Amino acid sequence: MTILGAVVPFASHCDIEDLGLVDGVSRLRIDIGPHHMNNIGIVHGGVICTLLDVAMGSAARVKAGAPVMTVDMHVIFLAAVRGVVTAEGRVIRAGRSILFAEAEARSESGETVARSTGVFKRAAGERGDHLPKT
């Protein structure tokens, strides 16, 4: 499976689905199953962090035109969630090598369950000609 044209093995492992890119905003989805839960029966925070990281990183990769690496990430959890979770990620500022991004994760009802900000660095020596254009 690919996320906006890139193979992301861990995203596949987590069952993250690509819903596309519109106006520079990446959209992802995960249908929560038993293997995504923590010991109290809600989605494990690490799953939500991964979803947000991939949403921001995908938007940053497309904007940079090359692979990127997460340098820093902050997450705020606002509500517990079960069922389908979607995320949207966007770049809020881009320099030559560093990009700043943000993302939100929402429940099926549209409730925001987590927000994140991240800093991404363009991977040295990578061109990314195969990436979709914004």
N, C-alpha and C. Protein backbone atom coordinates (compact mmCIF):
# COMPACT_ATOMS: atom_id res chain seq x y z
N MET A 1 0.84 -1.18 0.00
CA MET A 1 0.00 0.00 0.00
C MET A 1 0.89 1.25 0.00
N THR A 2 0.41 2.29 -0.65
CA THR A 2 1.16 3.54 -0.68
C THR A 2 0.35 4.66 -0.03
N ILE A 3 1.07 5.64 0.46
CA ILE A 3 0.47 6.85 1.02
C ILE A 3 0.96 8.00 0.13
N LEU A 4 0.07 8.59 -0.64
CA LEU A 4 0.40 9.66 -1.58
C LEU A 4 1.62 9.29 -2.42
N GLY A 5 1.63 8.07 -2.92
CA GLY A 5 2.67 7.62 -3.83
C GLY A 5 3.91 7.03 -3.20
N ALA A 6 4.03 7.04 -1.89
CA ALA A 6 5.20 6.48 -1.22
C ALA A 6 4.82 5.22 -0.45
N VAL A 7 5.70 4.23 -0.50
CA VAL A 7 5.50 3.02 0.30
C VAL A 7 5.92 3.34 1.73
N VAL A 8 4.98 3.19 2.66
CA VAL A 8 5.25 3.45 4.08
C VAL A 8 4.89 2.17 4.84
N PRO A 9 5.84 1.24 5.01
CA PRO A 9 5.54 -0.06 5.59
C PRO A 9 4.84 0.00 6.95
N PHE A 10 5.26 0.92 7.82
CA PHE A 10 4.63 0.98 9.15
C PHE A 10 3.18 1.45 9.04
N ALA A 11 2.89 2.35 8.11
CA ALA A 11 1.50 2.78 7.90
C ALA A 11 0.64 1.59 7.46
N SER A 12 1.20 0.74 6.60
CA SER A 12 0.48 -0.47 6.18
C SER A 12 0.26 -1.38 7.38
N HIS A 13 1.27 -1.54 8.20
CA HIS A 13 1.17 -2.37 9.40
C HIS A 13 0.05 -1.88 10.33
N CYS A 14 -0.14 -0.57 10.37
CA CYS A 14 -1.16 0.03 11.24
C CYS A 14 -2.52 0.14 10.55
N ASP A 15 -2.63 -0.33 9.30
CA ASP A 15 -3.88 -0.29 8.53
C ASP A 15 -4.31 1.12 8.15
N ILE A 16 -3.37 2.03 7.96
CA ILE A 16 -3.69 3.40 7.57
C ILE A 16 -3.96 3.43 6.07
N GLU A 17 -5.07 4.05 5.69
CA GLU A 17 -5.47 4.16 4.30
C GLU A 17 -5.32 5.60 3.81
N ASP A 18 -4.88 5.74 2.57
CA ASP A 18 -4.72 7.03 1.92
C ASP A 18 -6.05 7.46 1.31
N LEU A 19 -6.55 8.63 1.70
CA LEU A 19 -7.77 9.18 1.12
C LEU A 19 -7.47 10.29 0.13
N GLY A 20 -6.18 10.58 -0.09
CA GLY A 20 -5.81 11.56 -1.09
C GLY A 20 -5.31 12.87 -0.53
N LEU A 21 -4.99 13.74 -1.48
CA LEU A 21 -4.46 15.07 -1.18
C LEU A 21 -5.30 16.09 -1.92
N VAL A 22 -5.83 17.07 -1.20
CA VAL A 22 -6.62 18.14 -1.81
C VAL A 22 -6.09 19.47 -1.29
N ASP A 23 -5.68 20.33 -2.19
CA ASP A 23 -5.17 21.65 -1.82
C ASP A 23 -4.06 21.57 -0.78
N GLY A 24 -3.17 20.58 -0.93
CA GLY A 24 -2.04 20.43 -0.02
C GLY A 24 -2.36 19.76 1.30
N VAL A 25 -3.61 19.34 1.49
CA VAL A 25 -4.02 18.68 2.74
C VAL A 25 -4.11 17.18 2.50
N SER A 26 -3.31 16.42 3.25
CA SER A 26 -3.37 14.96 3.14
C SER A 26 -4.52 14.46 4.01
N ARG A 27 -5.21 13.44 3.51
CA ARG A 27 -6.32 12.85 4.26
C ARG A 27 -6.05 11.36 4.39
N LEU A 28 -6.15 10.86 5.62
CA LEU A 28 -5.91 9.46 5.93
C LEU A 28 -7.06 8.90 6.77
N ARG A 29 -7.14 7.57 6.81
CA ARG A 29 -8.22 6.91 7.55
C ARG A 29 -7.68 5.63 8.15
N ILE A 30 -8.20 5.28 9.30
CA ILE A 30 -7.90 3.99 9.92
C ILE A 30 -9.18 3.45 10.54
N ASP A 31 -9.50 2.22 10.18
CA ASP A 31 -10.67 1.53 10.74
C ASP A 31 -10.16 0.73 11.93
N ILE A 32 -10.48 1.19 13.11
CA ILE A 32 -9.92 0.64 14.33
C ILE A 32 -10.40 -0.80 14.57
N GLY A 33 -9.43 -1.67 14.84
CA GLY A 33 -9.72 -3.06 15.16
C GLY A 33 -9.19 -3.39 16.54
N PRO A 34 -9.40 -4.62 16.99
CA PRO A 34 -8.96 -5.01 18.33
C PRO A 34 -7.45 -4.85 18.55
N HIS A 35 -6.66 -5.01 17.50
CA HIS A 35 -5.20 -4.90 17.63
C HIS A 35 -4.72 -3.46 17.76
N HIS A 36 -5.62 -2.49 17.64
CA HIS A 36 -5.26 -1.08 17.81
C HIS A 36 -5.58 -0.57 19.22
N MET A 37 -6.17 -1.42 20.05
CA MET A 37 -6.65 -0.99 21.37
C MET A 37 -5.58 -1.08 22.45
N ASN A 38 -5.81 -0.28 23.50
CA ASN A 38 -4.96 -0.40 24.68
C ASN A 38 -5.69 -1.27 25.72
N ASN A 39 -5.16 -1.33 26.91
CA ASN A 39 -5.72 -2.22 27.93
C ASN A 39 -7.05 -1.76 28.51
N ILE A 40 -7.51 -0.55 28.21
CA ILE A 40 -8.81 -0.10 28.72
C ILE A 40 -9.87 -0.01 27.62
N GLY A 41 -9.54 -0.54 26.43
CA GLY A 41 -10.53 -0.66 25.38
C GLY A 41 -10.73 0.55 24.49
N ILE A 42 -9.77 1.45 24.49
CA ILE A 42 -9.82 2.58 23.56
C ILE A 42 -8.58 2.52 22.66
N VAL A 43 -8.58 3.30 21.61
CA VAL A 43 -7.45 3.28 20.68
C VAL A 43 -6.16 3.67 21.41
N HIS A 44 -5.12 2.90 21.19
CA HIS A 44 -3.81 3.17 21.79
C HIS A 44 -3.31 4.52 21.27
N GLY A 45 -2.76 5.33 22.15
CA GLY A 45 -2.25 6.64 21.77
C GLY A 45 -1.19 6.58 20.69
N GLY A 46 -0.41 5.51 20.66
CA GLY A 46 0.61 5.35 19.64
C GLY A 46 0.03 5.23 18.24
N VAL A 47 -1.15 4.65 18.14
CA VAL A 47 -1.82 4.54 16.83
C VAL A 47 -2.22 5.93 16.34
N ILE A 48 -2.77 6.73 17.25
CA ILE A 48 -3.16 8.09 16.88
C ILE A 48 -1.93 8.91 16.53
N CYS A 49 -0.85 8.76 17.29
CA CYS A 49 0.40 9.48 16.99
C CYS A 49 0.92 9.10 15.61
N THR A 50 0.88 7.83 15.29
CA THR A 50 1.34 7.38 13.98
C THR A 50 0.48 7.96 12.87
N LEU A 51 -0.83 7.94 13.06
CA LEU A 51 -1.75 8.49 12.06
C LEU A 51 -1.45 9.97 11.83
N LEU A 52 -1.27 10.73 12.89
CA LEU A 52 -0.97 12.16 12.77
C LEU A 52 0.39 12.40 12.14
N ASP A 53 1.39 11.61 12.52
CA ASP A 53 2.73 11.75 11.97
C ASP A 53 2.72 11.47 10.46
N VAL A 54 2.04 10.43 10.04
CA VAL A 54 1.98 10.10 8.62
C VAL A 54 1.20 11.16 7.85
N ALA A 55 0.15 11.71 8.45
CA ALA A 55 -0.63 12.78 7.79
C ALA A 55 0.24 14.02 7.57
N MET A 56 0.97 14.45 8.61
CA MET A 56 1.84 15.62 8.47
C MET A 56 3.01 15.32 7.54
N GLY A 57 3.63 14.17 7.75
CA GLY A 57 4.80 13.81 6.95
C GLY A 57 4.48 13.66 5.48
N SER A 58 3.31 13.13 5.17
CA SER A 58 2.91 12.99 3.76
C SER A 58 2.71 14.34 3.10
N ALA A 59 2.04 15.24 3.80
CA ALA A 59 1.86 16.60 3.27
C ALA A 59 3.21 17.29 3.10
N ALA A 60 4.11 17.09 4.07
CA ALA A 60 5.44 17.70 4.00
C ALA A 60 6.25 17.11 2.85
N ARG A 61 6.15 15.80 2.64
CA ARG A 61 6.88 15.14 1.56
C ARG A 61 6.45 15.67 0.21
N VAL A 62 5.15 15.82 0.02
CA VAL A 62 4.65 16.34 -1.26
C VAL A 62 5.10 17.79 -1.45
N LYS A 63 5.00 18.59 -0.41
CA LYS A 63 5.40 20.01 -0.50
C LYS A 63 6.90 20.14 -0.79
N ALA A 64 7.72 19.31 -0.13
CA ALA A 64 9.17 19.36 -0.31
C ALA A 64 9.60 18.76 -1.65
N GLY A 65 8.76 17.90 -2.20
CA GLY A 65 9.14 17.21 -3.43
C GLY A 65 10.20 16.16 -3.20
N ALA A 66 10.32 15.70 -1.96
CA ALA A 66 11.33 14.71 -1.59
C ALA A 66 10.92 14.06 -0.27
N PRO A 67 11.49 12.91 0.04
CA PRO A 67 11.21 12.30 1.34
C PRO A 67 11.61 13.23 2.49
N VAL A 68 10.91 13.12 3.60
CA VAL A 68 11.20 13.91 4.79
C VAL A 68 11.31 13.00 6.00
N MET A 69 11.93 13.53 7.05
CA MET A 69 12.04 12.83 8.32
C MET A 69 11.44 13.71 9.42
N THR A 70 10.77 13.09 10.37
CA THR A 70 10.23 13.81 11.51
C THR A 70 11.38 14.21 12.44
N VAL A 71 11.45 15.50 12.74
CA VAL A 71 12.48 16.01 13.65
C VAL A 71 11.89 16.20 15.04
N ASP A 72 10.65 16.68 15.09
CA ASP A 72 9.99 16.96 16.37
C ASP A 72 8.49 16.84 16.16
N MET A 73 7.79 16.36 17.18
CA MET A 73 6.33 16.21 17.07
C MET A 73 5.72 16.35 18.46
N HIS A 74 4.62 17.09 18.50
CA HIS A 74 3.86 17.25 19.74
C HIS A 74 2.41 16.85 19.48
N VAL A 75 1.83 16.13 20.44
CA VAL A 75 0.45 15.66 20.29
C VAL A 75 -0.34 16.03 21.53
N ILE A 76 -1.56 16.48 21.30
CA ILE A 76 -2.51 16.73 22.39
C ILE A 76 -3.70 15.79 22.16
N PHE A 77 -3.98 14.94 23.13
CA PHE A 77 -5.14 14.05 23.05
C PHE A 77 -6.33 14.74 23.70
N LEU A 78 -7.42 14.84 22.95
CA LEU A 78 -8.59 15.57 23.44
C LEU A 78 -9.74 14.68 23.86
N ALA A 79 -9.83 13.48 23.27
CA ALA A 79 -10.93 12.57 23.60
C ALA A 79 -10.55 11.15 23.23
N ALA A 80 -11.13 10.20 23.95
CA ALA A 80 -10.95 8.79 23.61
C ALA A 80 -11.76 8.50 22.34
N VAL A 81 -11.35 7.46 21.62
CA VAL A 81 -12.02 7.17 20.35
C VAL A 81 -12.06 5.68 20.09
N ARG A 82 -13.12 5.27 19.39
CA ARG A 82 -13.28 3.91 18.88
C ARG A 82 -13.80 4.04 17.46
N GLY A 83 -13.79 2.99 16.69
CA GLY A 83 -14.36 3.04 15.33
C GLY A 83 -13.38 3.59 14.32
N VAL A 84 -13.89 4.29 13.33
CA VAL A 84 -13.07 4.86 12.26
C VAL A 84 -12.51 6.21 12.71
N VAL A 85 -11.22 6.43 12.43
CA VAL A 85 -10.58 7.70 12.75
C VAL A 85 -9.98 8.24 11.45
N THR A 86 -10.21 9.51 11.18
CA THR A 86 -9.60 10.16 10.01
C THR A 86 -8.63 11.22 10.49
N ALA A 87 -7.69 11.57 9.63
CA ALA A 87 -6.73 12.62 9.96
C ALA A 87 -6.48 13.46 8.72
N GLU A 88 -6.22 14.73 8.96
CA GLU A 88 -5.82 15.65 7.91
C GLU A 88 -4.54 16.32 8.35
N GLY A 89 -3.58 16.38 7.43
CA GLY A 89 -2.30 17.02 7.71
C GLY A 89 -1.99 18.08 6.68
N ARG A 90 -1.34 19.15 7.10
CA ARG A 90 -1.00 20.25 6.19
C ARG A 90 0.30 20.90 6.63
N VAL A 91 1.01 21.44 5.65
CA VAL A 91 2.22 22.21 5.91
C VAL A 91 1.79 23.65 6.20
N ILE A 92 2.30 24.21 7.28
CA ILE A 92 1.95 25.59 7.60
C ILE A 92 3.08 26.57 7.28
N ARG A 93 4.30 26.03 7.09
CA ARG A 93 5.42 26.86 6.65
C ARG A 93 6.50 25.94 6.11
N ALA A 94 7.08 26.33 5.00
CA ALA A 94 8.11 25.49 4.39
C ALA A 94 9.32 26.33 4.02
N GLY A 95 10.48 25.88 4.47
CA GLY A 95 11.74 26.48 4.05
C GLY A 95 12.43 25.54 3.08
N ARG A 96 13.70 25.78 2.82
CA ARG A 96 14.44 24.93 1.88
C ARG A 96 14.65 23.52 2.40
N SER A 97 14.86 23.38 3.70
CA SER A 97 15.10 22.04 4.24
C SER A 97 14.20 21.67 5.42
N ILE A 98 13.58 22.64 6.06
CA ILE A 98 12.73 22.40 7.22
C ILE A 98 11.30 22.81 6.89
N LEU A 99 10.35 21.94 7.29
CA LEU A 99 8.92 22.23 7.07
C LEU A 99 8.19 22.08 8.40
N PHE A 100 7.24 22.96 8.64
CA PHE A 100 6.40 22.92 9.83
C PHE A 100 5.00 22.49 9.41
N ALA A 101 4.42 21.56 10.17
CA ALA A 101 3.12 21.02 9.78
C ALA A 101 2.22 20.88 11.00
N GLU A 102 0.94 20.66 10.71
CA GLU A 102 -0.03 20.39 11.77
C GLU A 102 -1.03 19.35 11.26
N ALA A 103 -1.69 18.67 12.19
CA ALA A 103 -2.69 17.68 11.81
C ALA A 103 -3.74 17.57 12.90
N GLU A 104 -4.91 17.08 12.49
CA GLU A 104 -6.00 16.78 13.41
C GLU A 104 -6.53 15.39 13.12
N ALA A 105 -6.91 14.68 14.16
CA ALA A 105 -7.57 13.38 14.04
C ALA A 105 -9.00 13.53 14.53
N ARG A 106 -9.92 12.91 13.80
CA ARG A 106 -11.34 13.04 14.15
C ARG A 106 -12.03 11.68 14.20
N SER A 107 -13.05 11.60 15.04
CA SER A 107 -13.88 10.40 15.14
C SER A 107 -14.86 10.37 13.97
N GLU A 108 -15.62 9.28 13.86
CA GLU A 108 -16.62 9.16 12.81
C GLU A 108 -17.66 10.29 12.87
N SER A 109 -17.94 10.77 14.07
CA SER A 109 -18.94 11.84 14.23
C SER A 109 -18.35 13.22 13.91
N GLY A 110 -17.03 13.29 13.65
CA GLY A 110 -16.41 14.57 13.34
C GLY A 110 -15.76 15.25 14.52
N GLU A 111 -15.85 14.64 15.70
CA GLU A 111 -15.24 15.22 16.90
C GLU A 111 -13.72 15.15 16.79
N THR A 112 -13.04 16.26 17.07
CA THR A 112 -11.58 16.25 17.08
C THR A 112 -11.12 15.50 18.32
N VAL A 113 -10.32 14.44 18.11
CA VAL A 113 -9.86 13.61 19.22
C VAL A 113 -8.39 13.84 19.54
N ALA A 114 -7.63 14.42 18.59
CA ALA A 114 -6.23 14.74 18.85
C ALA A 114 -5.75 15.77 17.84
N ARG A 115 -4.76 16.56 18.25
CA ARG A 115 -4.13 17.55 17.38
C ARG A 115 -2.63 17.40 17.53
N SER A 116 -1.91 17.75 16.47
CA SER A 116 -0.46 17.66 16.55
C SER A 116 0.20 18.75 15.72
N THR A 117 1.44 19.03 16.09
CA THR A 117 2.31 19.87 15.29
C THR A 117 3.60 19.10 15.10
N GLY A 118 4.28 19.38 14.00
CA GLY A 118 5.51 18.67 13.74
C GLY A 118 6.49 19.49 12.92
N VAL A 119 7.75 19.12 13.05
CA VAL A 119 8.82 19.71 12.27
C VAL A 119 9.44 18.57 11.46
N PHE A 120 9.60 18.81 10.16
CA PHE A 120 10.10 17.79 9.25
C PHE A 120 11.30 18.33 8.50
N LYS A 121 12.27 17.44 8.22
CA LYS A 121 13.48 17.83 7.51
C LYS A 121 13.54 17.04 6.21
N ARG A 122 13.82 17.74 5.15
CA ARG A 122 14.01 17.09 3.86
C ARG A 122 15.18 16.12 3.97
N ALA A 123 15.00 14.90 3.47
CA ALA A 123 16.07 13.90 3.51
C ALA A 123 17.15 14.30 2.52
N ALA A 124 18.39 14.37 2.95
CA ALA A 124 19.51 14.80 2.11
C ALA A 124 19.68 13.87 0.92
N GLY A 125 19.89 14.47 -0.25
CA GLY A 125 20.20 13.71 -1.44
C GLY A 125 19.02 13.06 -2.14
N GLU A 126 17.82 13.27 -1.66
CA GLU A 126 16.63 12.65 -2.27
C GLU A 126 15.93 13.67 -3.15
N ARG A 127 15.52 13.27 -4.35
CA ARG A 127 14.88 14.20 -5.28
C ARG A 127 13.36 14.12 -5.23
N GLY A 128 12.80 12.94 -5.28
CA GLY A 128 11.36 12.81 -5.19
C GLY A 128 10.60 13.13 -6.47
N ASP A 129 11.20 12.87 -7.64
CA ASP A 129 10.52 13.15 -8.91
C ASP A 129 9.22 12.35 -9.06
N HIS A 130 9.11 11.26 -8.34
CA HIS A 130 7.95 10.37 -8.46
C HIS A 130 6.75 10.84 -7.62
N LEU A 131 6.91 11.91 -6.87
CA LEU A 131 5.86 12.34 -5.95
C LEU A 131 4.77 13.12 -6.67
N PRO A 132 3.53 13.04 -6.14
CA PRO A 132 2.45 13.85 -6.72
C PRO A 132 2.71 15.33 -6.50
N LYS A 133 2.26 16.15 -7.39
CA LYS A 133 2.43 17.60 -7.29
C LYS A 133 1.26 18.21 -6.53
N THR A 134 1.53 19.29 -5.77
CA THR A 134 0.46 19.97 -5.02
C THR A 134 -0.31 20.90 -5.92
